[in-house]
Structure formats: structure tokens, C-alpha cells
Amino acid sequence: MADVSASAAKDHVLKGAGDVDRMSKDAVNLAREMAHLYLEKLGAAAADAAKQAGRKTIMPPDLHAGQRTMMGGAASTPASSPASGESPSVM
């Protein structure tokens, strides 16, 4: 299984951190662990959505449904991933 890298975890956390621009090593490691747990739960919820649709393949709408399930119905749609399930355009 692929690993969430320390640099990716740090970059994503700091992206929303405003004026804060540093993280301790322990905080980065915790962010990695939390990302793993979130992605595992998202995968399980998305797999349930795919199964309900009669598929064995997780598609973008399944990830959106999984996120809605995990967030109690309130899910955001990233700009790079259209809600329609279509692939984002490549520039």
C-alpha cells in the first residue's frame, strides 16, 4: 500500500494554516497517521457506494458519496474533481 509521505502531509496541513508555516516532527507524523485513517475510512465508504451501484470499481461519485457519509451529509467538491464524476480537464 502506498504511504502518505511526510512532505505531502506537512504541505497539506500547512496549506490551510494561514500565517503558521512550520510543524514539529511529531505533528507531521501524527498528520500522516490521521491521513492514513481518513483514507482507509473513505475507501470503505466509497466501496460501499460502489457495491450499492452494482460495481466492483470505485469511481469519483463513490468517493463523493463516501465523503458525504463520513461527514454526515456535508461534503465539499474539490475544484479539480467535478461532482459529475467526469475527469478534470488537463491543461
N, C-alpha and C. Protein backbone atom coordinates (compact mmCIF):
# COMPACT_ATOMS: atom_id res chain seq x y z
N MET A 1 0.85 -1.17 0.00
CA MET A 1 0.00 0.00 0.00
C MET A 1 0.89 1.24 0.00
N ALA A 2 0.46 2.22 -0.75
CA ALA A 2 1.20 3.48 -0.82
C ALA A 2 1.15 4.20 0.52
N ASP A 3 2.17 4.96 0.77
CA ASP A 3 2.30 5.67 2.03
C ASP A 3 2.06 7.16 1.80
N VAL A 4 1.42 7.82 2.75
CA VAL A 4 1.31 9.27 2.71
C VAL A 4 2.64 9.80 3.20
N SER A 5 3.35 10.50 2.32
CA SER A 5 4.68 10.96 2.67
C SER A 5 4.61 12.08 3.72
N ALA A 6 5.69 12.22 4.44
CA ALA A 6 5.77 13.28 5.44
C ALA A 6 5.65 14.64 4.77
N SER A 7 6.29 14.82 3.62
CA SER A 7 6.24 16.12 2.96
C SER A 7 4.83 16.42 2.46
N ALA A 8 4.11 15.41 1.95
CA ALA A 8 2.74 15.64 1.50
C ALA A 8 1.83 16.00 2.68
N ALA A 9 1.97 15.27 3.78
CA ALA A 9 1.15 15.56 4.95
C ALA A 9 1.42 16.98 5.45
N LYS A 10 2.69 17.33 5.54
CA LYS A 10 3.07 18.67 6.01
C LYS A 10 2.53 19.74 5.07
N ASP A 11 2.71 19.55 3.77
CA ASP A 11 2.24 20.53 2.79
C ASP A 11 0.73 20.74 2.88
N HIS A 12 -0.02 19.66 3.00
CA HIS A 12 -1.49 19.78 3.06
C HIS A 12 -1.96 20.46 4.34
N VAL A 13 -1.33 20.12 5.46
CA VAL A 13 -1.72 20.76 6.72
C VAL A 13 -1.39 22.25 6.69
N LEU A 14 -0.19 22.58 6.24
CA LEU A 14 0.23 23.98 6.24
C LEU A 14 -0.51 24.81 5.18
N LYS A 15 -1.04 24.16 4.17
CA LYS A 15 -1.80 24.87 3.13
C LYS A 15 -2.98 25.63 3.74
N GLY A 16 -3.58 25.07 4.76
CA GLY A 16 -4.72 25.71 5.40
C GLY A 16 -4.38 26.39 6.72
N ALA A 17 -3.10 26.54 6.99
CA ALA A 17 -2.68 27.04 8.30
C ALA A 17 -2.47 28.54 8.37
N GLY A 18 -2.72 29.24 7.29
CA GLY A 18 -2.58 30.69 7.32
C GLY A 18 -1.15 31.13 7.55
N ASP A 19 -0.95 31.95 8.57
CA ASP A 19 0.37 32.51 8.86
C ASP A 19 1.34 31.52 9.51
N VAL A 20 0.84 30.38 9.95
CA VAL A 20 1.70 29.37 10.57
C VAL A 20 2.41 28.62 9.45
N ASP A 21 3.74 28.55 9.51
CA ASP A 21 4.46 27.94 8.40
C ASP A 21 5.42 26.82 8.79
N ARG A 22 5.29 26.32 10.02
CA ARG A 22 6.15 25.24 10.47
C ARG A 22 5.35 24.21 11.24
N MET A 23 5.85 22.96 11.24
CA MET A 23 5.26 21.87 12.02
C MET A 23 6.38 21.10 12.69
N SER A 24 6.12 20.63 13.89
CA SER A 24 7.10 19.77 14.55
C SER A 24 7.09 18.39 13.88
N LYS A 25 8.16 17.65 14.09
CA LYS A 25 8.25 16.30 13.54
C LYS A 25 7.12 15.42 14.05
N ASP A 26 6.80 15.54 15.34
CA ASP A 26 5.70 14.76 15.92
C ASP A 26 4.36 15.12 15.28
N ALA A 27 4.16 16.41 15.00
CA ALA A 27 2.92 16.83 14.37
C ALA A 27 2.81 16.30 12.94
N VAL A 28 3.91 16.28 12.22
CA VAL A 28 3.92 15.74 10.85
C VAL A 28 3.59 14.25 10.89
N ASN A 29 4.20 13.52 11.82
CA ASN A 29 3.93 12.08 11.92
C ASN A 29 2.47 11.82 12.29
N LEU A 30 1.92 12.62 13.18
CA LEU A 30 0.52 12.46 13.54
C LEU A 30 -0.38 12.77 12.35
N ALA A 31 -0.05 13.80 11.58
CA ALA A 31 -0.83 14.13 10.39
C ALA A 31 -0.82 12.97 9.40
N ARG A 32 0.33 12.32 9.25
CA ARG A 32 0.42 11.14 8.37
C ARG A 32 -0.49 10.03 8.85
N GLU A 33 -0.45 9.74 10.14
CA GLU A 33 -1.31 8.69 10.70
C GLU A 33 -2.79 9.02 10.50
N MET A 34 -3.14 10.28 10.73
CA MET A 34 -4.54 10.69 10.58
C MET A 34 -4.97 10.61 9.11
N ALA A 35 -4.07 10.95 8.19
CA ALA A 35 -4.39 10.86 6.77
C ALA A 35 -4.64 9.40 6.38
N HIS A 36 -3.80 8.51 6.88
CA HIS A 36 -4.00 7.08 6.60
C HIS A 36 -5.37 6.62 7.08
N LEU A 37 -5.72 6.97 8.31
CA LEU A 37 -7.00 6.55 8.85
C LEU A 37 -8.17 7.12 8.05
N TYR A 38 -8.07 8.41 7.69
CA TYR A 38 -9.13 9.04 6.89
C TYR A 38 -9.29 8.34 5.55
N LEU A 39 -8.17 8.08 4.87
CA LEU A 39 -8.24 7.45 3.54
C LEU A 39 -8.76 6.02 3.62
N GLU A 40 -8.42 5.29 4.68
CA GLU A 40 -8.97 3.94 4.85
C GLU A 40 -10.48 3.99 5.04
N LYS A 41 -10.95 4.92 5.87
CA LYS A 41 -12.39 5.04 6.10
C LYS A 41 -13.11 5.52 4.84
N LEU A 42 -12.48 6.45 4.11
CA LEU A 42 -13.05 6.91 2.85
C LEU A 42 -13.15 5.76 1.86
N GLY A 43 -12.12 4.94 1.80
CA GLY A 43 -12.13 3.78 0.91
C GLY A 43 -13.24 2.81 1.23
N ALA A 44 -13.45 2.55 2.51
CA ALA A 44 -14.53 1.64 2.92
C ALA A 44 -15.90 2.21 2.55
N ALA A 45 -16.10 3.50 2.81
CA ALA A 45 -17.38 4.13 2.49
C ALA A 45 -17.59 4.20 0.98
N ALA A 46 -16.53 4.47 0.22
CA ALA A 46 -16.63 4.52 -1.24
C ALA A 46 -16.90 3.13 -1.81
N ALA A 47 -16.29 2.11 -1.22
CA ALA A 47 -16.53 0.74 -1.66
C ALA A 47 -17.99 0.36 -1.44
N ASP A 48 -18.56 0.78 -0.32
CA ASP A 48 -19.98 0.52 -0.07
C ASP A 48 -20.85 1.17 -1.14
N ALA A 49 -20.51 2.40 -1.52
CA ALA A 49 -21.28 3.11 -2.55
C ALA A 49 -21.14 2.39 -3.89
N ALA A 50 -19.95 1.93 -4.23
CA ALA A 50 -19.74 1.20 -5.49
C ALA A 50 -20.55 -0.09 -5.50
N LYS A 51 -20.53 -0.82 -4.37
CA LYS A 51 -21.30 -2.07 -4.27
C LYS A 51 -22.79 -1.80 -4.44
N GLN A 52 -23.28 -0.72 -3.82
CA GLN A 52 -24.70 -0.38 -3.95
C GLN A 52 -25.06 -0.07 -5.40
N ALA A 53 -24.09 0.42 -6.17
CA ALA A 53 -24.31 0.72 -7.59
C ALA A 53 -24.06 -0.51 -8.47
N GLY A 54 -23.73 -1.65 -7.83
CA GLY A 54 -23.51 -2.88 -8.57
C GLY A 54 -22.15 -2.97 -9.25
N ARG A 55 -21.17 -2.26 -8.72
CA ARG A 55 -19.83 -2.24 -9.30
C ARG A 55 -18.79 -2.75 -8.31
N LYS A 56 -17.67 -3.19 -8.86
CA LYS A 56 -16.51 -3.56 -8.04
C LYS A 56 -15.39 -2.55 -8.18
N THR A 57 -15.66 -1.48 -8.90
CA THR A 57 -14.68 -0.43 -9.13
C THR A 57 -15.15 0.86 -8.47
N ILE A 58 -14.30 1.48 -7.69
CA ILE A 58 -14.63 2.77 -7.07
C ILE A 58 -14.44 3.86 -8.11
N MET A 59 -15.47 4.66 -8.28
CA MET A 59 -15.47 5.77 -9.24
C MET A 59 -15.55 7.08 -8.45
N PRO A 60 -15.26 8.23 -9.10
CA PRO A 60 -15.34 9.51 -8.39
C PRO A 60 -16.65 9.75 -7.63
N PRO A 61 -17.82 9.42 -8.21
CA PRO A 61 -19.06 9.64 -7.43
C PRO A 61 -19.11 8.82 -6.13
N ASP A 62 -18.44 7.67 -6.13
CA ASP A 62 -18.38 6.84 -4.92
C ASP A 62 -17.56 7.52 -3.83
N LEU A 63 -16.47 8.18 -4.24
CA LEU A 63 -15.66 8.92 -3.27
C LEU A 63 -16.47 10.08 -2.69
N HIS A 64 -17.24 10.77 -3.55
CA HIS A 64 -18.09 11.86 -3.05
C HIS A 64 -19.15 11.32 -2.09
N ALA A 65 -19.76 10.20 -2.45
CA ALA A 65 -20.77 9.60 -1.57
C ALA A 65 -20.13 9.16 -0.26
N GLY A 66 -18.94 8.59 -0.33
CA GLY A 66 -18.24 8.18 0.88
C GLY A 66 -17.92 9.35 1.77
N GLN A 67 -17.50 10.45 1.18
CA GLN A 67 -17.20 11.65 1.97
C GLN A 67 -18.48 12.18 2.62
N ARG A 68 -19.58 12.20 1.86
CA ARG A 68 -20.85 12.66 2.44
C ARG A 68 -21.25 11.78 3.62
N THR A 69 -21.07 10.49 3.47
CA THR A 69 -21.39 9.56 4.56
C THR A 69 -20.54 9.84 5.78
N MET A 70 -19.25 10.04 5.57
CA MET A 70 -18.34 10.30 6.68
C MET A 70 -18.59 11.64 7.35
N MET A 71 -19.01 12.62 6.57
CA MET A 71 -19.19 13.98 7.09
C MET A 71 -20.65 14.25 7.48
N GLY A 72 -21.47 13.23 7.49
CA GLY A 72 -22.86 13.42 7.89
C GLY A 72 -23.67 14.20 6.87
N GLY A 73 -23.36 14.03 5.58
CA GLY A 73 -24.14 14.67 4.53
C GLY A 73 -23.53 15.94 3.99
N ALA A 74 -22.56 16.51 4.66
CA ALA A 74 -21.95 17.76 4.20
C ALA A 74 -20.58 17.46 3.62
N ALA A 75 -20.50 17.45 2.29
CA ALA A 75 -19.22 17.18 1.65
C ALA A 75 -18.91 18.28 0.66
N SER A 76 -17.65 18.59 0.57
CA SER A 76 -17.23 19.59 -0.41
C SER A 76 -16.72 18.89 -1.65
N THR A 77 -16.77 19.57 -2.76
CA THR A 77 -16.27 19.04 -4.01
C THR A 77 -15.03 19.82 -4.40
N PRO A 78 -13.87 19.16 -4.45
CA PRO A 78 -12.66 19.87 -4.84
C PRO A 78 -12.79 20.40 -6.26
N ALA A 79 -12.19 21.54 -6.52
CA ALA A 79 -12.26 22.16 -7.84
C ALA A 79 -11.68 21.26 -8.92
N SER A 80 -10.73 20.42 -8.55
CA SER A 80 -10.10 19.54 -9.54
C SER A 80 -10.86 18.25 -9.78
N SER A 81 -11.98 18.06 -9.09
CA SER A 81 -12.75 16.83 -9.25
C SER A 81 -14.22 17.17 -9.39
N PRO A 82 -14.72 17.27 -10.62
CA PRO A 82 -16.11 17.64 -10.83
C PRO A 82 -17.07 16.68 -10.16
N ALA A 83 -18.16 17.20 -9.63
CA ALA A 83 -19.16 16.39 -8.95
C ALA A 83 -19.81 15.39 -9.89
N SER A 84 -19.81 15.66 -11.17
CA SER A 84 -20.45 14.78 -12.14
C SER A 84 -19.71 13.46 -12.30
N GLY A 85 -18.49 13.38 -11.75
CA GLY A 85 -17.71 12.15 -11.86
C GLY A 85 -16.82 12.15 -13.10
N GLU A 86 -16.88 13.21 -13.91
CA GLU A 86 -16.03 13.29 -15.08
C GLU A 86 -14.60 13.61 -14.64
N SER A 87 -13.67 13.21 -15.47
CA SER A 87 -12.27 13.53 -15.18
C SER A 87 -12.04 15.02 -15.36
N PRO A 88 -11.23 15.61 -14.51
CA PRO A 88 -10.92 17.03 -14.68
C PRO A 88 -10.16 17.24 -15.98
N SER A 89 -10.33 18.38 -16.58
CA SER A 89 -9.63 18.67 -17.83
C SER A 89 -8.15 18.90 -17.53
N VAL A 90 -7.34 18.50 -18.47
CA VAL A 90 -5.90 18.64 -18.31
C VAL A 90 -5.44 19.80 -19.19
N MET A 91 -4.62 20.69 -18.63
CA MET A 91 -4.13 21.84 -19.39
C MET A 91 -2.75 21.57 -19.90
